[in-house]
Protein backbone atom coordinates (compact mmCIF):
# COMPACT_ATOMS: atom_id res chain seq x y z
CA MET A 1 -66.23 9.03 108.36
CA SER A 2 -64.06 12.14 108.87
CA ALA A 3 -60.57 12.13 110.28
CA PHE A 4 -61.91 13.62 113.51
CA ASP A 5 -64.74 11.09 113.96
CA ILE A 6 -63.57 8.44 116.43
CA ARG A 7 -66.87 6.56 116.58
CA SER A 8 -67.02 2.89 115.75
CA PRO A 9 -69.56 2.78 112.90
CA SER A 10 -70.85 -0.67 113.80
CA VAL A 11 -72.11 0.17 117.28
CA SER A 12 -71.91 3.89 117.93
CA ASP A 13 -75.49 4.56 116.85
CA ASP A 14 -77.12 1.52 118.47
CA GLY A 15 -78.05 3.14 121.77
CA LEU A 16 -78.96 0.48 124.32
CA GLY A 17 -78.42 -2.18 121.66
CA ILE A 18 -74.70 -1.81 122.22
CA VAL A 19 -74.96 -4.19 125.20
CA LEU A 20 -75.51 -7.03 122.69
CA HIS A 21 -72.35 -6.30 120.70
CA PRO A 22 -69.18 -8.23 121.61
CA GLY A 23 -66.89 -5.44 120.37
CA PRO A 24 -67.15 -3.07 123.36
CA TYR A 25 -66.54 -5.96 125.79
CA LYS A 26 -63.36 -6.89 123.93
CA ARG A 27 -62.29 -3.26 124.10
CA LEU A 28 -63.00 -3.26 127.83
CA VAL A 29 -60.47 -6.09 128.25
CA TYR A 30 -58.00 -4.12 126.12
CA HIS A 31 -58.40 -1.04 128.32
CA VAL A 32 -57.88 -3.06 131.52
CA LEU A 33 -54.66 -4.47 130.03
CA GLY A 34 -53.47 -0.95 129.23
CA PHE A 35 -52.13 -0.28 132.74
CA PRO A 36 -49.87 -3.36 133.14
CA LEU A 37 -48.71 -3.04 129.54
CA GLY A 38 -47.86 0.61 130.16
CA ILE A 39 -45.81 -0.25 133.23
CA LEU A 40 -43.87 -2.99 131.43
CA SER A 41 -43.11 -0.88 128.36
CA PHE A 42 -42.15 2.23 130.34
CA LEU A 43 -39.87 0.39 132.75
CA GLY A 44 -38.32 -1.63 129.94
CA VAL A 45 -37.35 1.47 127.98
CA VAL A 46 -36.23 3.60 130.93
CA ILE A 47 -34.19 0.87 132.61
CA GLY A 48 -32.72 -0.42 129.35
CA VAL A 49 -31.67 2.98 128.03
CA SER A 50 -30.38 4.18 131.42
CA LEU A 51 -28.24 1.10 132.00
CA GLY A 52 -27.11 0.97 128.40
CA LEU A 53 -25.93 4.58 128.34
CA THR A 54 -24.34 4.32 131.79
CA LEU A 55 -22.38 1.23 130.81
CA SER A 56 -21.80 2.27 127.20
CA ILE A 57 -18.06 2.49 127.74
CA LEU A 58 -18.16 -1.24 128.33
CA PHE A 59 -19.29 -3.93 125.92
CA VAL A 60 -22.15 -4.86 128.25
CA GLY A 61 -23.67 -1.39 127.80
CA ILE A 62 -23.80 -1.79 124.04
CA ALA A 63 -25.38 -5.22 124.49
CA ILE A 64 -28.04 -3.74 126.81
CA LEU A 65 -28.88 -1.02 124.27
CA ALA A 66 -29.14 -3.64 121.53
CA GLY A 67 -31.42 -5.69 123.76
CA THR A 68 -33.57 -2.63 124.47
CA VAL A 69 -34.01 -2.08 120.74
CA VAL A 70 -35.10 -5.70 120.35
CA LEU A 71 -37.50 -5.24 123.28
CA LEU A 72 -39.03 -2.18 121.61
CA ARG A 73 -39.61 -4.16 118.42
CA VAL A 74 -41.17 -7.03 120.33
CA PHE A 75 -43.40 -4.64 122.25
CA ALA A 76 -44.57 -3.01 119.01
CA ILE A 77 -45.40 -6.43 117.53
CA VAL A 78 -47.34 -7.38 120.67
CA GLU A 79 -49.31 -4.12 120.55
CA ALA A 80 -50.16 -4.70 116.89
CA ARG A 81 -51.46 -8.19 117.69
CA LEU A 82 -53.45 -6.94 120.67
CA ALA A 83 -55.07 -4.36 118.41
CA ALA A 84 -56.01 -7.11 115.96
CA THR A 85 -57.43 -9.29 118.76
CA PHE A 86 -59.31 -6.78 120.90
CA LEU A 87 -59.88 -3.82 118.57
CA ASP A 88 -60.55 -5.85 115.41
CA GLU A 89 -58.10 -3.68 113.51
CA THR A 90 -55.08 -4.85 111.54
CA ILE A 91 -51.94 -2.84 112.21
CA GLN A 92 -48.82 -3.74 110.29
CA SER A 93 -45.95 -4.89 112.50
CA PRO A 94 -42.66 -2.96 112.37
CA ARG A 95 -40.30 -4.09 109.66
CA GLN A 96 -37.17 -6.00 110.58
CA LEU A 97 -33.92 -4.11 110.96
CA ASP A 98 -30.96 -4.87 108.76
CA THR A 99 -29.19 -7.72 110.54
CA SER A 100 -26.28 -8.03 108.14
CA PRO A 101 -23.73 -6.46 110.52
CA SER A 102 -22.64 -8.95 113.13
CA GLU A 103 -21.31 -6.49 115.73
CA PRO A 104 -23.67 -5.21 118.47
CA ILE A 105 -22.37 -1.68 117.88
CA SER A 106 -23.50 -1.87 114.25
CA HIS A 107 -26.92 -3.13 115.32
CA VAL A 108 -27.33 -0.23 117.75
CA ARG A 109 -26.13 2.27 115.11
CA ASN A 110 -28.63 0.97 112.56
CA ALA A 111 -31.44 1.06 115.12
CA CYS A 112 -30.64 4.62 116.20
CA THR A 113 -30.82 5.83 112.61
CA ASP A 114 -34.15 4.06 112.02
CA GLU A 115 -37.17 6.32 112.49
CA GLN A 116 -39.33 3.37 113.50
CA THR A 117 -37.17 2.79 116.58
CA TRP A 118 -37.82 6.30 117.84
CA ARG A 119 -41.53 6.03 117.09
CA ALA A 120 -41.71 2.76 119.02
CA CYS A 121 -39.77 4.34 121.87
CA ALA A 122 -42.17 7.30 122.01
CA PHE A 123 -45.12 4.92 122.00
CA ALA A 124 -43.63 2.87 124.85
CA LEU A 125 -43.07 5.96 126.99
CA VAL A 126 -46.53 7.40 126.38
CA ARG A 127 -48.15 3.99 126.88
CA LEU A 128 -48.01 4.32 130.68
CA PRO A 129 -50.05 7.54 131.11
CA VAL A 130 -52.40 6.44 128.35
CA GLY A 131 -52.74 3.03 130.00
CA VAL A 132 -53.55 4.69 133.33
CA ILE A 133 -56.37 6.62 131.66
CA GLN A 134 -57.69 3.47 129.98
CA PHE A 135 -57.57 1.44 133.19
CA THR A 136 -59.15 4.19 135.32
CA VAL A 137 -62.04 4.77 132.92
CA ALA A 138 -62.68 1.04 132.45
CA VAL A 139 -62.58 0.07 136.13
CA THR A 140 -64.49 3.11 137.41
CA LEU A 141 -67.39 2.86 134.97
CA THR A 142 -67.61 -0.93 135.27
CA ALA A 143 -67.56 -0.91 139.08
CA LEU A 144 -70.13 1.87 139.34
CA SER A 145 -72.48 0.26 136.82
CA LEU A 146 -72.21 -3.13 138.51
CA ALA A 147 -72.82 -1.61 141.94
CA LEU A 148 -76.00 0.11 140.76
CA VAL A 149 -77.38 -2.87 138.86
CA THR A 150 -76.84 -5.24 141.78
CA ALA A 151 -77.87 -2.78 144.52
CA PRO A 152 -81.03 -4.72 145.56
CA LEU A 153 -79.04 -7.95 145.92
CA HIS A 154 -76.71 -6.64 148.59
CA TYR A 155 -79.00 -4.05 150.13
CA ASP A 156 -79.49 -4.72 153.85
CA GLY A 157 -81.18 -1.57 155.07
CA VAL A 158 -77.91 0.23 155.67
CA GLN A 159 -76.92 3.21 153.55
CA LEU A 160 -74.41 1.73 151.11
CA PHE A 161 -74.07 4.31 148.36
CA GLN A 162 -73.87 8.07 148.36
CA PHE A 163 -73.59 9.99 145.11
CA GLY A 164 -73.09 13.55 146.19
CA PRO A 165 -75.63 15.42 148.35
CA TRP A 166 -78.51 14.73 146.00
CA TRP A 167 -78.85 10.92 145.94
CA HIS A 168 -78.52 8.51 148.83
CA LEU A 169 -79.39 4.83 148.48
CA GLY A 170 -80.81 4.40 151.94
CA SER A 171 -83.90 2.29 151.23
CA LEU A 172 -84.95 -0.74 149.21
CA SER A 173 -87.07 1.38 146.88
CA GLU A 174 -84.09 3.55 146.06
CA ALA A 175 -81.97 0.45 145.50
CA LEU A 176 -84.56 -0.84 143.03
CA LEU A 177 -84.53 2.54 141.29
CA ALA A 178 -80.78 2.24 140.92
CA VAL A 179 -81.11 -0.84 138.68
CA PRO A 180 -82.38 0.91 135.50
CA VAL A 181 -79.96 3.75 136.18
CA GLY A 182 -77.15 1.21 136.30
CA VAL A 183 -78.31 -0.37 133.03
CA LEU A 184 -78.30 3.04 131.33
CA LEU A 185 -74.89 3.82 132.80
CA TRP A 186 -73.54 0.48 131.54
CA ALA A 187 -74.80 1.17 128.02
CA PHE A 188 -73.18 4.60 128.18
CA SER A 189 -69.98 3.00 129.50
CA LEU A 190 -69.85 0.58 126.56
CA HIS A 191 -70.06 3.54 124.18
CA VAL A 192 -67.18 5.16 126.06
CA PHE A 193 -65.13 1.95 125.82
CA ASP A 194 -65.89 1.79 122.11
CA LEU A 195 -64.85 5.39 121.45
CA LEU A 196 -61.73 5.07 123.58
CA GLY A 197 -60.80 1.88 121.75
CA THR A 198 -61.12 3.57 118.38
CA ALA A 199 -58.96 6.45 119.59
CA MET A 200 -56.34 3.96 120.80
CA GLU A 201 -56.41 2.16 117.45
CA ARG A 202 -55.64 5.40 115.62
CA PHE A 203 -52.96 6.34 118.12
CA THR A 204 -51.31 2.93 117.80
CA ARG A 205 -51.55 2.94 114.01
CA THR A 206 -50.00 6.41 113.80
CA LEU A 207 -46.91 5.56 115.83
CA LEU A 208 -46.34 1.89 115.03
CA THR A 209 -47.17 1.61 111.33
CA PRO A 210 -43.87 1.20 109.46
CA VAL A 211 -42.71 4.28 107.58
CA GLU A 212 -42.23 3.59 103.88
């Protein structure tokens, strides 16, 4: 597999058979979690750094910066474990910082000179827009597929769906026709979830793998 091939070899060529694989469903859960994780990581970094720098002339500011560094490390560890759980990929957790100095200022200085801290910070900031994309794709495709597959169950003779000017579900026959379309869309969606999950695994590995 080339460096530019983001397919998951186990399921990418299975066509409709992908609906029987557990992997894409696990990746769907991972994508849905992307939005809340992105919010938490982004707010944690922005608030922590802003308060820490603002209050840096006081001891409490240094303590906040040190806590933000710890938060970044914890976040990176959590992301690595989520990748192992939902993406079935092992990503090495960030190495521990040198804790020999006892002063908070020394801890912050060591963290600021550690490349891994900046990589984790970049990941945390980018996690929000990436998480929004993950969440939007996952929820949109899942909701649309589910609506089409279950169209005959909640069809009551009233026009419920309108997909542009070329397809209106205004009759029971059209609702029945929507079922196989929904099945095909769901299979396609699972492939999208699989590809997006593989792209996220490579993105996470690139930024969070400890630099030797």
